[in-house]
């Protein structure tokens, strides 16, 4: 969940179907839930969450499916306000950037470890840059500078660090000193952050 002055909302994502039909189904459910509730829902397409089993060893083919079939289908139905990509070396390395992502939706980069992808994310004009784990040291400074110049807001996820037991929290203070407007999120999901508690997230952020 992300809060603004007079605009409280939560971001709900697909990414657990990884087929066109299933991704569209999840986004339609998110739209229905958003219409029923009092809290504004920001539906986010996360088809690039993982490479499904049937595409193992054929990542390029799955990327082609995302760009040529899934994204246009999501676009036609107006099912998503933003688009996420899980940028990890073993999933979707940042060097495999596709310009077609930013033609269809404003991408919100989603990464666990590699800060080197930050300049790419800045060039793709993301709204948010989500970080699970530690990000500190001289190697990170160029990335922070690029994100700040592009007016990208990092969304830090301390509950994920806690639940995964890594103890490597992002260097929020250094990010702020570099001019980044740091925000916090729960990253609520059953695998790495099974909590919806923003008070817990705030406590972890302050104490770590």
N, C-alpha and C. Protein backbone atom coordinates (compact mmCIF):
# COMPACT_ATOMS: atom_id res chain seq x y z
N UNK A 1 0.84 -1.19 0.00
CA UNK A 1 0.00 0.00 0.00
C UNK A 1 0.88 1.25 0.00
N UNK A 2 0.47 2.23 -0.76
CA UNK A 2 1.19 3.50 -0.79
C UNK A 2 0.20 4.60 -0.46
N UNK A 3 0.59 5.53 0.38
CA UNK A 3 -0.31 6.60 0.78
C UNK A 3 0.20 7.95 0.29
N UNK A 4 -0.70 8.77 -0.22
CA UNK A 4 -0.40 10.15 -0.56
C UNK A 4 -1.23 11.03 0.35
N UNK A 5 -1.11 12.35 0.19
CA UNK A 5 -1.78 13.25 1.12
C UNK A 5 -3.27 12.97 1.25
N UNK A 6 -3.97 13.04 0.12
CA UNK A 6 -5.42 12.81 0.18
C UNK A 6 -5.82 11.67 -0.73
N UNK A 7 -4.86 10.82 -1.05
CA UNK A 7 -5.14 9.74 -1.98
C UNK A 7 -4.52 8.46 -1.45
N UNK A 8 -5.34 7.61 -0.84
CA UNK A 8 -4.87 6.35 -0.30
C UNK A 8 -5.25 5.25 -1.27
N UNK A 9 -4.30 4.41 -1.60
CA UNK A 9 -4.59 3.36 -2.56
C UNK A 9 -3.67 2.17 -2.35
N UNK A 10 -4.04 1.05 -2.92
CA UNK A 10 -3.17 -0.10 -2.90
C UNK A 10 -2.98 -0.61 -4.32
N UNK A 11 -1.82 -1.18 -4.56
CA UNK A 11 -1.47 -1.69 -5.88
C UNK A 11 -1.63 -3.20 -5.87
N UNK A 12 -2.46 -3.70 -6.77
CA UNK A 12 -2.70 -5.14 -6.87
C UNK A 12 -2.18 -5.62 -8.22
N UNK A 13 -1.50 -6.76 -8.21
CA UNK A 13 -0.80 -7.21 -9.42
C UNK A 13 -1.27 -8.58 -9.89
N UNK A 14 -1.11 -8.78 -11.18
CA UNK A 14 -1.26 -10.12 -11.74
C UNK A 14 0.11 -10.80 -11.60
N UNK A 15 0.45 -11.70 -12.50
CA UNK A 15 1.76 -12.33 -12.44
C UNK A 15 1.76 -13.74 -11.89
N UNK A 16 0.59 -14.28 -11.59
CA UNK A 16 0.50 -15.63 -11.06
C UNK A 16 -0.21 -16.58 -12.01
N UNK A 17 -0.44 -16.12 -13.23
CA UNK A 17 -1.05 -16.98 -14.24
C UNK A 17 -0.07 -17.31 -15.34
N UNK A 18 0.58 -16.25 -15.87
CA UNK A 18 1.64 -16.36 -16.88
C UNK A 18 1.16 -16.92 -18.20
N UNK A 19 -0.15 -16.93 -18.40
CA UNK A 19 -0.74 -17.16 -19.73
C UNK A 19 -1.63 -15.97 -20.00
N UNK A 20 -1.93 -15.72 -21.25
CA UNK A 20 -2.76 -14.56 -21.57
C UNK A 20 -4.11 -14.65 -20.88
N UNK A 21 -4.75 -15.80 -20.97
CA UNK A 21 -6.09 -15.97 -20.38
C UNK A 21 -6.05 -15.77 -18.86
N UNK A 22 -5.07 -16.36 -18.20
CA UNK A 22 -5.02 -16.27 -16.74
C UNK A 22 -4.64 -14.88 -16.26
N UNK A 23 -3.72 -14.22 -16.95
CA UNK A 23 -3.34 -12.86 -16.58
C UNK A 23 -4.52 -11.91 -16.73
N UNK A 24 -5.28 -12.06 -17.81
CA UNK A 24 -6.46 -11.21 -18.01
C UNK A 24 -7.51 -11.50 -16.94
N UNK A 25 -7.67 -12.77 -16.57
CA UNK A 25 -8.65 -13.13 -15.54
C UNK A 25 -8.30 -12.47 -14.21
N UNK A 26 -7.02 -12.53 -13.83
CA UNK A 26 -6.60 -11.93 -12.57
C UNK A 26 -6.85 -10.43 -12.58
N UNK A 27 -6.51 -9.77 -13.69
CA UNK A 27 -6.69 -8.32 -13.77
C UNK A 27 -8.17 -7.93 -13.76
N UNK A 28 -9.02 -8.77 -14.34
CA UNK A 28 -10.46 -8.48 -14.30
C UNK A 28 -10.99 -8.58 -12.87
N UNK A 29 -10.50 -9.58 -12.12
CA UNK A 29 -10.89 -9.71 -10.71
C UNK A 29 -10.43 -8.50 -9.91
N UNK A 30 -9.20 -8.05 -10.16
CA UNK A 30 -8.68 -6.87 -9.48
C UNK A 30 -9.56 -5.67 -9.79
N UNK A 31 -9.98 -5.53 -11.03
CA UNK A 31 -10.86 -4.41 -11.41
C UNK A 31 -12.18 -4.48 -10.67
N UNK A 32 -12.76 -5.67 -10.58
CA UNK A 32 -14.04 -5.84 -9.88
C UNK A 32 -13.90 -5.51 -8.39
N UNK A 33 -12.84 -5.99 -7.78
CA UNK A 33 -12.63 -5.71 -6.35
C UNK A 33 -12.42 -4.22 -6.12
N UNK A 34 -11.72 -3.57 -7.03
CA UNK A 34 -11.50 -2.14 -6.90
C UNK A 34 -12.78 -1.35 -7.00
N UNK A 35 -13.70 -1.83 -7.85
CA UNK A 35 -14.98 -1.14 -8.02
C UNK A 35 -15.87 -1.30 -6.80
N UNK A 36 -15.67 -2.38 -6.06
CA UNK A 36 -16.53 -2.65 -4.90
C UNK A 36 -16.04 -1.99 -3.62
N UNK A 37 -14.74 -1.77 -3.50
CA UNK A 37 -14.19 -1.27 -2.26
C UNK A 37 -14.12 0.24 -2.19
N UNK A 38 -13.84 0.76 -1.00
CA UNK A 38 -13.72 2.20 -0.79
C UNK A 38 -12.30 2.70 -1.03
N UNK A 39 -11.34 1.77 -1.04
CA UNK A 39 -9.94 2.12 -1.25
C UNK A 39 -9.60 1.97 -2.73
N UNK A 40 -9.00 2.99 -3.30
CA UNK A 40 -8.69 2.93 -4.73
C UNK A 40 -7.64 1.85 -5.01
N UNK A 41 -7.91 1.05 -6.03
CA UNK A 41 -7.02 -0.02 -6.42
C UNK A 41 -6.29 0.36 -7.70
N UNK A 42 -4.98 0.15 -7.72
CA UNK A 42 -4.17 0.39 -8.92
C UNK A 42 -3.81 -0.96 -9.51
N UNK A 43 -4.51 -1.40 -10.54
CA UNK A 43 -4.20 -2.70 -11.15
C UNK A 43 -2.89 -2.64 -11.93
N UNK A 44 -2.05 -3.63 -11.72
CA UNK A 44 -0.72 -3.65 -12.33
C UNK A 44 -0.48 -4.98 -13.03
N UNK A 45 -0.07 -4.91 -14.27
CA UNK A 45 0.22 -6.11 -15.05
C UNK A 45 1.65 -6.58 -14.76
N UNK A 46 1.78 -7.80 -14.22
CA UNK A 46 3.09 -8.36 -13.90
C UNK A 46 3.27 -9.69 -14.63
N UNK A 47 2.97 -9.68 -15.91
CA UNK A 47 3.18 -10.89 -16.70
C UNK A 47 4.64 -11.30 -16.73
N UNK A 48 5.53 -10.32 -16.59
CA UNK A 48 6.98 -10.60 -16.54
C UNK A 48 7.42 -10.84 -15.11
N UNK A 49 6.71 -11.72 -14.41
CA UNK A 49 7.02 -12.07 -13.03
C UNK A 49 7.99 -13.23 -12.98
N UNK A 50 7.86 -14.13 -13.94
CA UNK A 50 8.66 -15.34 -14.00
C UNK A 50 8.54 -15.92 -15.40
N UNK A 51 9.47 -16.75 -15.79
CA UNK A 51 9.37 -17.48 -17.06
C UNK A 51 8.67 -18.80 -16.76
N UNK A 52 7.48 -19.04 -17.32
CA UNK A 52 6.76 -20.28 -16.99
C UNK A 52 7.51 -21.52 -17.46
N UNK A 53 7.15 -22.65 -16.86
CA UNK A 53 7.86 -23.90 -17.12
C UNK A 53 7.92 -24.24 -18.60
N UNK A 54 6.82 -24.01 -19.30
CA UNK A 54 6.78 -24.39 -20.71
C UNK A 54 7.69 -23.52 -21.59
N UNK A 55 8.23 -22.45 -21.00
CA UNK A 55 9.14 -21.58 -21.75
C UNK A 55 10.57 -21.64 -21.21
N UNK A 56 10.87 -22.62 -20.37
CA UNK A 56 12.23 -22.75 -19.84
C UNK A 56 13.21 -22.94 -21.00
N UNK A 57 14.25 -22.14 -21.00
CA UNK A 57 15.20 -22.20 -22.10
C UNK A 57 14.77 -21.44 -23.33
N UNK A 58 13.56 -20.85 -23.25
CA UNK A 58 13.04 -20.07 -24.40
C UNK A 58 12.51 -18.73 -23.90
N UNK A 59 13.32 -18.04 -23.12
CA UNK A 59 12.89 -16.78 -22.52
C UNK A 59 12.50 -15.76 -23.57
N UNK A 60 13.26 -15.73 -24.66
CA UNK A 60 12.93 -14.78 -25.73
C UNK A 60 11.53 -15.00 -26.28
N UNK A 61 11.14 -16.26 -26.39
CA UNK A 61 9.79 -16.56 -26.90
C UNK A 61 8.73 -16.05 -25.93
N UNK A 62 9.00 -16.18 -24.62
CA UNK A 62 8.01 -15.69 -23.64
C UNK A 62 7.95 -14.17 -23.66
N UNK A 63 9.09 -13.52 -23.80
CA UNK A 63 9.10 -12.06 -23.91
C UNK A 63 8.30 -11.62 -25.13
N UNK A 64 8.45 -12.37 -26.23
CA UNK A 64 7.68 -12.05 -27.44
C UNK A 64 6.18 -12.19 -27.17
N UNK A 65 5.80 -13.23 -26.42
CA UNK A 65 4.39 -13.42 -26.07
C UNK A 65 3.89 -12.24 -25.23
N UNK A 66 4.70 -11.81 -24.27
CA UNK A 66 4.33 -10.68 -23.42
C UNK A 66 4.08 -9.42 -24.25
N UNK A 67 5.01 -9.14 -25.16
CA UNK A 67 4.96 -7.89 -25.92
C UNK A 67 3.90 -7.92 -27.01
N UNK A 68 3.80 -9.04 -27.71
CA UNK A 68 2.95 -9.09 -28.89
C UNK A 68 1.53 -9.55 -28.61
N UNK A 69 1.32 -10.25 -27.48
CA UNK A 69 -0.03 -10.77 -27.21
C UNK A 69 -0.60 -10.26 -25.89
N UNK A 70 0.12 -10.47 -24.79
CA UNK A 70 -0.43 -10.12 -23.48
C UNK A 70 -0.64 -8.62 -23.31
N UNK A 71 0.41 -7.83 -23.54
CA UNK A 71 0.29 -6.39 -23.35
C UNK A 71 -0.80 -5.77 -24.22
N UNK A 72 -0.89 -6.11 -25.50
CA UNK A 72 -1.98 -5.55 -26.31
C UNK A 72 -3.36 -5.94 -25.78
N UNK A 73 -3.50 -7.18 -25.27
CA UNK A 73 -4.78 -7.61 -24.73
C UNK A 73 -5.15 -6.83 -23.47
N UNK A 74 -4.16 -6.63 -22.60
CA UNK A 74 -4.39 -5.83 -21.39
C UNK A 74 -4.75 -4.40 -21.76
N UNK A 75 -4.06 -3.88 -22.74
CA UNK A 75 -4.29 -2.51 -23.20
C UNK A 75 -5.70 -2.33 -23.77
N UNK A 76 -6.13 -3.28 -24.59
CA UNK A 76 -7.45 -3.18 -25.23
C UNK A 76 -8.57 -3.11 -24.21
N UNK A 77 -8.45 -3.89 -23.14
CA UNK A 77 -9.50 -3.92 -22.12
C UNK A 77 -9.30 -2.85 -21.04
N UNK A 78 -8.19 -2.15 -21.10
CA UNK A 78 -7.93 -1.13 -20.09
C UNK A 78 -7.84 -1.71 -18.69
N UNK A 79 -7.16 -2.84 -18.56
CA UNK A 79 -7.16 -3.57 -17.29
C UNK A 79 -6.05 -3.16 -16.33
N UNK A 80 -5.07 -2.40 -16.79
CA UNK A 80 -3.94 -2.07 -15.92
C UNK A 80 -3.54 -0.61 -16.07
N UNK A 81 -3.15 -0.02 -14.95
CA UNK A 81 -2.64 1.35 -14.97
C UNK A 81 -1.13 1.39 -15.08
N UNK A 82 -0.47 0.30 -14.71
CA UNK A 82 0.98 0.25 -14.79
C UNK A 82 1.42 -1.18 -15.10
N UNK A 83 2.70 -1.33 -15.34
CA UNK A 83 3.26 -2.61 -15.75
C UNK A 83 4.55 -2.85 -14.99
N UNK A 84 4.70 -4.02 -14.39
CA UNK A 84 5.90 -4.36 -13.63
C UNK A 84 6.73 -5.40 -14.36
N UNK A 85 8.02 -5.36 -14.10
CA UNK A 85 8.95 -6.36 -14.61
C UNK A 85 9.83 -6.81 -13.45
N UNK A 86 9.95 -8.12 -13.27
CA UNK A 86 10.79 -8.65 -12.19
C UNK A 86 12.21 -8.77 -12.72
N UNK A 87 13.05 -7.78 -12.39
CA UNK A 87 14.41 -7.70 -12.92
C UNK A 87 15.37 -8.44 -12.01
N UNK A 88 15.69 -9.65 -12.36
CA UNK A 88 16.66 -10.46 -11.66
C UNK A 88 17.49 -11.21 -12.70
N UNK A 89 18.77 -11.47 -12.44
CA UNK A 89 19.61 -12.16 -13.42
C UNK A 89 19.03 -13.49 -13.89
N UNK A 90 18.38 -14.22 -13.00
CA UNK A 90 17.85 -15.53 -13.37
C UNK A 90 16.45 -15.47 -13.97
N UNK A 91 15.85 -14.27 -13.98
CA UNK A 91 14.48 -14.16 -14.49
C UNK A 91 14.46 -13.26 -15.72
N UNK A 92 14.47 -11.94 -15.50
CA UNK A 92 14.53 -10.99 -16.61
C UNK A 92 15.67 -10.02 -16.37
N UNK A 93 16.87 -10.34 -16.85
CA UNK A 93 18.02 -9.44 -16.66
C UNK A 93 17.72 -8.07 -17.25
N UNK A 94 18.23 -7.03 -16.60
CA UNK A 94 17.93 -5.67 -17.04
C UNK A 94 18.44 -5.39 -18.44
N UNK A 95 19.51 -6.09 -18.85
CA UNK A 95 20.06 -5.82 -20.18
C UNK A 95 19.10 -6.23 -21.28
N UNK A 96 18.12 -7.07 -20.94
CA UNK A 96 17.14 -7.49 -21.93
C UNK A 96 15.96 -6.52 -21.94
N UNK A 97 16.25 -5.26 -22.03
CA UNK A 97 15.19 -4.27 -22.00
C UNK A 97 14.46 -4.26 -23.34
N UNK A 98 13.17 -4.05 -23.28
CA UNK A 98 12.36 -4.01 -24.50
C UNK A 98 11.64 -2.69 -24.55
N UNK A 99 11.88 -1.90 -25.60
CA UNK A 99 11.26 -0.58 -25.71
C UNK A 99 9.75 -0.69 -25.76
N UNK A 100 9.24 -1.84 -26.20
CA UNK A 100 7.78 -1.99 -26.32
C UNK A 100 7.09 -1.88 -24.98
N UNK A 101 7.81 -2.18 -23.84
CA UNK A 101 7.17 -2.05 -22.53
C UNK A 101 6.67 -0.63 -22.34
N UNK A 102 7.51 0.35 -22.60
CA UNK A 102 7.14 1.72 -22.28
C UNK A 102 6.17 2.31 -23.28
N UNK A 103 5.98 1.65 -24.41
CA UNK A 103 4.97 2.13 -25.36
C UNK A 103 3.58 1.85 -24.84
N UNK A 104 3.46 0.77 -24.08
CA UNK A 104 2.14 0.33 -23.64
C UNK A 104 1.76 0.81 -22.25
N UNK A 105 2.73 0.88 -21.37
CA UNK A 105 2.43 1.24 -19.98
C UNK A 105 3.67 1.77 -19.30
N UNK A 106 3.48 2.58 -18.28
CA UNK A 106 4.61 3.05 -17.50
C UNK A 106 5.10 1.91 -16.63
N UNK A 107 6.31 1.51 -16.84
CA UNK A 107 6.84 0.35 -16.14
C UNK A 107 7.26 0.69 -14.73
N UNK A 108 7.01 -0.21 -13.82
CA UNK A 108 7.50 -0.09 -12.45
C UNK A 108 8.47 -1.22 -12.23
N UNK A 109 9.74 -0.91 -12.24
CA UNK A 109 10.75 -1.96 -12.13
C UNK A 109 10.69 -2.61 -10.76
N UNK A 110 10.92 -3.89 -10.74
CA UNK A 110 10.75 -4.66 -9.51
C UNK A 110 11.97 -5.56 -9.37
N UNK A 111 12.83 -5.29 -8.41
CA UNK A 111 14.09 -5.99 -8.34
C UNK A 111 14.41 -6.42 -6.92
N UNK A 112 15.15 -7.51 -6.81
CA UNK A 112 15.61 -7.97 -5.50
C UNK A 112 17.03 -7.53 -5.23
N UNK A 113 17.89 -7.62 -6.23
CA UNK A 113 19.30 -7.39 -5.93
C UNK A 113 20.03 -6.41 -6.82
N UNK A 114 19.98 -6.49 -8.17
CA UNK A 114 20.96 -5.74 -8.96
C UNK A 114 20.66 -4.26 -9.11
N UNK A 115 21.47 -3.42 -8.51
CA UNK A 115 21.32 -1.98 -8.66
C UNK A 115 21.74 -1.53 -10.05
N UNK A 116 22.54 -2.33 -10.76
CA UNK A 116 23.03 -1.93 -12.08
C UNK A 116 21.90 -1.71 -13.06
N UNK A 117 20.72 -2.24 -12.76
CA UNK A 117 19.59 -2.06 -13.66
C UNK A 117 18.92 -0.71 -13.47
N UNK A 118 19.31 0.04 -12.44
CA UNK A 118 18.65 1.31 -12.15
C UNK A 118 18.71 2.31 -13.30
N UNK A 119 19.87 2.52 -13.95
CA UNK A 119 19.89 3.47 -15.07
C UNK A 119 18.94 3.09 -16.19
N UNK A 120 18.80 1.77 -16.46
CA UNK A 120 17.85 1.34 -17.48
C UNK A 120 16.44 1.68 -17.08
N UNK A 121 16.13 1.47 -15.81
CA UNK A 121 14.78 1.76 -15.34
C UNK A 121 14.48 3.25 -15.43
N UNK A 122 15.48 4.06 -15.18
CA UNK A 122 15.30 5.50 -15.30
C UNK A 122 15.03 5.88 -16.75
N UNK A 123 15.73 5.24 -17.69
CA UNK A 123 15.52 5.56 -19.10
C UNK A 123 14.14 5.13 -19.57
N UNK A 124 13.60 4.08 -18.94
CA UNK A 124 12.27 3.60 -19.32
C UNK A 124 11.15 4.36 -18.60
N UNK A 125 11.52 5.39 -17.86
CA UNK A 125 10.56 6.25 -17.18
C UNK A 125 9.60 5.51 -16.26
N UNK A 126 10.09 4.71 -15.32
CA UNK A 126 9.16 4.05 -14.41
C UNK A 126 8.63 5.03 -13.38
N UNK A 127 7.48 4.69 -12.83
CA UNK A 127 6.94 5.48 -11.72
C UNK A 127 7.58 5.06 -10.41
N UNK A 128 7.77 3.78 -10.28
CA UNK A 128 8.27 3.24 -9.02
C UNK A 128 9.40 2.26 -9.29
N UNK A 129 10.28 2.17 -8.33
CA UNK A 129 11.38 1.20 -8.40
C UNK A 129 11.37 0.47 -7.09
N UNK A 130 11.05 -0.79 -7.13
CA UNK A 130 10.81 -1.56 -5.92
C UNK A 130 12.04 -2.39 -5.57
N UNK A 131 12.43 -2.30 -4.29
CA UNK A 131 13.62 -3.00 -3.83
C UNK A 131 13.30 -3.93 -2.67
N UNK A 132 13.71 -5.17 -2.77
CA UNK A 132 13.55 -6.10 -1.67
C UNK A 132 14.66 -5.93 -0.64
N UNK A 133 15.90 -6.00 -1.12
CA UNK A 133 16.99 -6.20 -0.19
C UNK A 133 18.02 -5.09 -0.24
N UNK A 134 19.17 -5.37 0.34
CA UNK A 134 20.20 -4.37 0.54
C UNK A 134 20.64 -3.65 -0.71
N UNK A 135 20.95 -2.38 -0.55
CA UNK A 135 21.47 -1.58 -1.67
C UNK A 135 22.35 -0.50 -1.08
N UNK A 136 23.62 -0.78 -0.97
CA UNK A 136 24.54 0.21 -0.41
C UNK A 136 25.91 0.03 -1.05
N UNK A 137 26.78 1.03 -0.87
CA UNK A 137 28.12 0.96 -1.42
C UNK A 137 28.27 1.85 -2.64
N UNK A 138 29.53 2.01 -3.04
CA UNK A 138 29.82 2.94 -4.13
C UNK A 138 29.21 2.51 -5.45
N UNK A 139 29.03 1.19 -5.66
CA UNK A 139 28.48 0.70 -6.91
C UNK A 139 27.04 1.15 -7.12
N UNK A 140 26.39 1.56 -6.07
CA UNK A 140 24.98 1.91 -6.15
C UNK A 140 24.76 3.39 -6.45
N UNK A 141 25.77 4.21 -6.26
CA UNK A 141 25.56 5.65 -6.33
C UNK A 141 25.12 6.12 -7.70
N UNK A 142 25.71 5.56 -8.76
CA UNK A 142 25.32 5.95 -10.11
C UNK A 142 23.86 5.62 -10.36
N UNK A 143 23.42 4.47 -9.85
CA UNK A 143 22.01 4.09 -10.01
C UNK A 143 21.08 5.04 -9.29
N UNK A 144 21.44 5.41 -8.07
CA UNK A 144 20.61 6.35 -7.32
C UNK A 144 20.53 7.69 -8.03
N UNK A 145 21.66 8.15 -8.56
CA UNK A 145 21.69 9.43 -9.26
C UNK A 145 20.78 9.39 -10.48
N UNK A 146 20.83 8.28 -11.22
CA UNK A 146 19.99 8.14 -12.41
C UNK A 146 18.51 8.14 -12.05
N UNK A 147 18.17 7.45 -10.98
CA UNK A 147 16.77 7.40 -10.55
C UNK A 147 16.29 8.77 -10.09
N UNK A 148 17.13 9.48 -9.35
CA UNK A 148 16.75 10.82 -8.86
C UNK A 148 16.54 11.76 -10.03
N UNK A 149 17.42 11.70 -11.03
CA UNK A 149 17.31 12.58 -12.20
C UNK A 149 16.04 12.30 -12.98
N UNK A 150 15.58 11.06 -12.95
CA UNK A 150 14.36 10.68 -13.68
C UNK A 150 13.11 10.84 -12.81
N UNK A 151 13.27 11.34 -11.58
CA UNK A 151 12.14 11.55 -10.66
C UNK A 151 11.42 10.23 -10.35
N UNK A 152 12.21 9.18 -10.19
CA UNK A 152 11.66 7.88 -9.83
C UNK A 152 11.64 7.74 -8.32
N UNK A 153 10.57 7.19 -7.77
CA UNK A 153 10.45 7.01 -6.34
C UNK A 153 10.73 5.56 -5.96
N UNK A 154 11.80 5.28 -5.25
CA UNK A 154 12.03 3.91 -4.79
C UNK A 154 10.97 3.52 -3.76
N UNK A 155 10.44 2.32 -3.89
CA UNK A 155 9.52 1.77 -2.90
C UNK A 155 10.28 0.68 -2.16
N UNK A 156 10.63 0.92 -0.93
CA UNK A 156 11.41 -0.03 -0.15
C UNK A 156 10.48 -1.01 0.58
N UNK A 157 10.94 -2.25 0.70
CA UNK A 157 10.08 -3.33 1.20
C UNK A 157 10.73 -4.05 2.38
N UNK A 158 10.81 -3.39 3.53
CA UNK A 158 11.52 -3.99 4.66
C UNK A 158 10.89 -5.27 5.18
N UNK A 159 9.59 -5.44 5.01
CA UNK A 159 8.95 -6.68 5.48
C UNK A 159 9.45 -7.88 4.70
N UNK A 160 9.76 -7.68 3.42
CA UNK A 160 10.30 -8.78 2.62
C UNK A 160 11.67 -9.20 3.15
N UNK A 161 12.49 -8.21 3.51
CA UNK A 161 13.81 -8.52 4.07
C UNK A 161 13.66 -9.33 5.35
N UNK A 162 12.74 -8.89 6.19
CA UNK A 162 12.51 -9.56 7.47
C UNK A 162 12.02 -10.99 7.26
N UNK A 163 11.04 -11.17 6.38
CA UNK A 163 10.45 -12.49 6.18
C UNK A 163 11.41 -13.45 5.47
N UNK A 164 12.28 -12.90 4.63
CA UNK A 164 13.25 -13.75 3.93
C UNK A 164 14.48 -14.02 4.77
N UNK A 165 14.62 -13.28 5.87
CA UNK A 165 15.73 -13.52 6.78
C UNK A 165 17.09 -13.12 6.24
N UNK A 166 17.12 -12.10 5.35
CA UNK A 166 18.40 -11.73 4.75
C UNK A 166 19.17 -10.70 5.58
N UNK A 167 18.48 -9.87 6.35
CA UNK A 167 19.09 -8.84 7.20
C UNK A 167 19.86 -7.80 6.39
N UNK A 168 19.59 -7.68 5.10
CA UNK A 168 20.27 -6.68 4.27
C UNK A 168 19.22 -5.66 3.82
N UNK A 169 19.02 -4.66 4.64
CA UNK A 169 18.01 -3.66 4.34
C UNK A 169 18.56 -2.59 3.39
N UNK A 170 17.72 -2.03 2.53
CA UNK A 170 18.18 -0.97 1.62
C UNK A 170 18.71 0.23 2.39
N UNK A 171 19.67 0.92 1.80
CA UNK A 171 20.29 2.09 2.43
C UNK A 171 19.43 3.32 2.20
N UNK A 172 18.32 3.38 2.92
CA UNK A 172 17.34 4.45 2.70
C UNK A 172 17.93 5.83 2.96
N UNK A 173 18.70 5.97 4.01
CA UNK A 173 19.26 7.28 4.34
C UNK A 173 20.17 7.79 3.23
N UNK A 174 20.98 6.92 2.67
CA UNK A 174 21.85 7.31 1.57
C UNK A 174 21.05 7.68 0.32
N UNK A 175 19.95 6.96 0.10
CA UNK A 175 19.08 7.30 -1.04
C UNK A 175 18.50 8.70 -0.88
N UNK A 176 18.04 8.99 0.34
CA UNK A 176 17.47 10.31 0.61
C UNK A 176 18.51 11.40 0.41
N UNK A 177 19.73 11.12 0.86
CA UNK A 177 20.81 12.10 0.69
C UNK A 177 21.14 12.33 -0.78
N UNK A 178 20.84 11.36 -1.62
CA UNK A 178 21.06 11.49 -3.06
C UNK A 178 19.88 12.16 -3.76
N UNK A 179 18.87 12.57 -2.98
CA UNK A 179 17.74 13.29 -3.56
C UNK A 179 16.56 12.44 -3.94
N UNK A 180 16.54 11.19 -3.50
CA UNK A 180 15.42 10.30 -3.82
C UNK A 180 14.31 10.44 -2.78
N UNK A 181 13.08 10.46 -3.25
CA UNK A 181 11.91 10.50 -2.36
C UNK A 181 11.50 9.06 -2.06
N UNK A 182 12.03 8.53 -0.97
CA UNK A 182 11.82 7.13 -0.63
C UNK A 182 10.41 6.90 -0.10
N UNK A 183 9.78 5.82 -0.53
CA UNK A 183 8.47 5.43 -0.03
C UNK A 183 8.56 3.99 0.49
N UNK A 184 7.52 3.54 1.18
CA UNK A 184 7.50 2.21 1.77
C UNK A 184 6.28 1.44 1.31
N UNK A 185 6.42 0.12 1.22
CA UNK A 185 5.31 -0.74 0.85
C UNK A 185 5.38 -2.05 1.60
N UNK A 186 4.26 -2.76 1.67
CA UNK A 186 4.23 -4.06 2.35
C UNK A 186 4.74 -5.18 1.45
N UNK A 187 4.56 -5.06 0.14
CA UNK A 187 4.85 -6.14 -0.81
C UNK A 187 4.08 -7.39 -0.43
N UNK A 188 2.86 -7.22 0.05
CA UNK A 188 2.06 -8.35 0.53
C UNK A 188 1.95 -9.43 -0.54
N UNK A 189 2.42 -10.61 -0.20
CA UNK A 189 2.28 -11.79 -1.05
C UNK A 189 2.56 -13.01 -0.18
N UNK A 190 2.05 -14.18 -0.55
CA UNK A 190 2.19 -15.35 0.32
C UNK A 190 3.59 -15.92 0.39
N UNK A 191 4.47 -15.56 -0.56
CA UNK A 191 5.78 -16.17 -0.60
C UNK A 191 6.84 -15.47 0.20
N UNK A 192 6.97 -14.15 0.03
CA UNK A 192 8.11 -13.45 0.64
C UNK A 192 7.72 -12.35 1.62
N UNK A 193 6.42 -12.00 1.67
CA UNK A 193 6.01 -10.95 2.59
C UNK A 193 4.53 -11.11 2.95
N UNK A 194 4.22 -12.09 3.78
CA UNK A 194 2.81 -12.37 4.09
C UNK A 194 2.24 -11.44 5.16
N UNK A 195 2.31 -10.14 4.91
CA UNK A 195 1.75 -9.17 5.87
C UNK A 195 1.14 -7.99 5.13
N UNK A 196 0.05 -7.50 5.66
CA UNK A 196 -0.57 -6.28 5.14
C UNK A 196 -0.40 -5.12 6.11
N UNK A 197 0.44 -5.30 7.11
CA UNK A 197 0.57 -4.32 8.19
C UNK A 197 1.55 -3.21 7.85
N UNK A 198 1.04 -2.01 7.56
CA UNK A 198 1.91 -0.87 7.36
C UNK A 198 2.60 -0.43 8.66
N UNK A 199 1.94 -0.53 9.84
CA UNK A 199 2.66 -0.22 11.08
C UNK A 199 3.91 -1.09 11.26
N UNK A 200 3.81 -2.37 10.89
CA UNK A 200 4.98 -3.25 10.97
C UNK A 200 6.07 -2.76 10.01
N UNK A 201 5.67 -2.41 8.79
CA UNK A 201 6.64 -1.93 7.81
C UNK A 201 7.32 -0.66 8.31
N UNK A 202 6.55 0.26 8.87
CA UNK A 202 7.13 1.50 9.39
C UNK A 202 8.10 1.21 10.54
N UNK A 203 7.74 0.28 11.40
CA UNK A 203 8.61 -0.09 12.51
C UNK A 203 9.93 -0.68 12.02
N UNK A 204 9.85 -1.56 11.05
CA UNK A 204 11.06 -2.17 10.49
C UNK A 204 11.93 -1.11 9.81
N UNK A 205 11.28 -0.18 9.13
CA UNK A 205 12.04 0.86 8.44
C UNK A 205 12.77 1.77 9.42
N UNK A 206 12.12 2.09 10.53
CA UNK A 206 12.73 2.99 11.52
C UNK A 206 13.85 2.30 12.29
N UNK A 207 13.68 1.04 12.58
CA UNK A 207 14.66 0.34 13.43
C UNK A 207 15.80 -0.28 12.65
N UNK A 208 15.68 -0.32 11.30
CA UNK A 208 16.74 -0.94 10.50
C UNK A 208 17.30 0.02 9.47
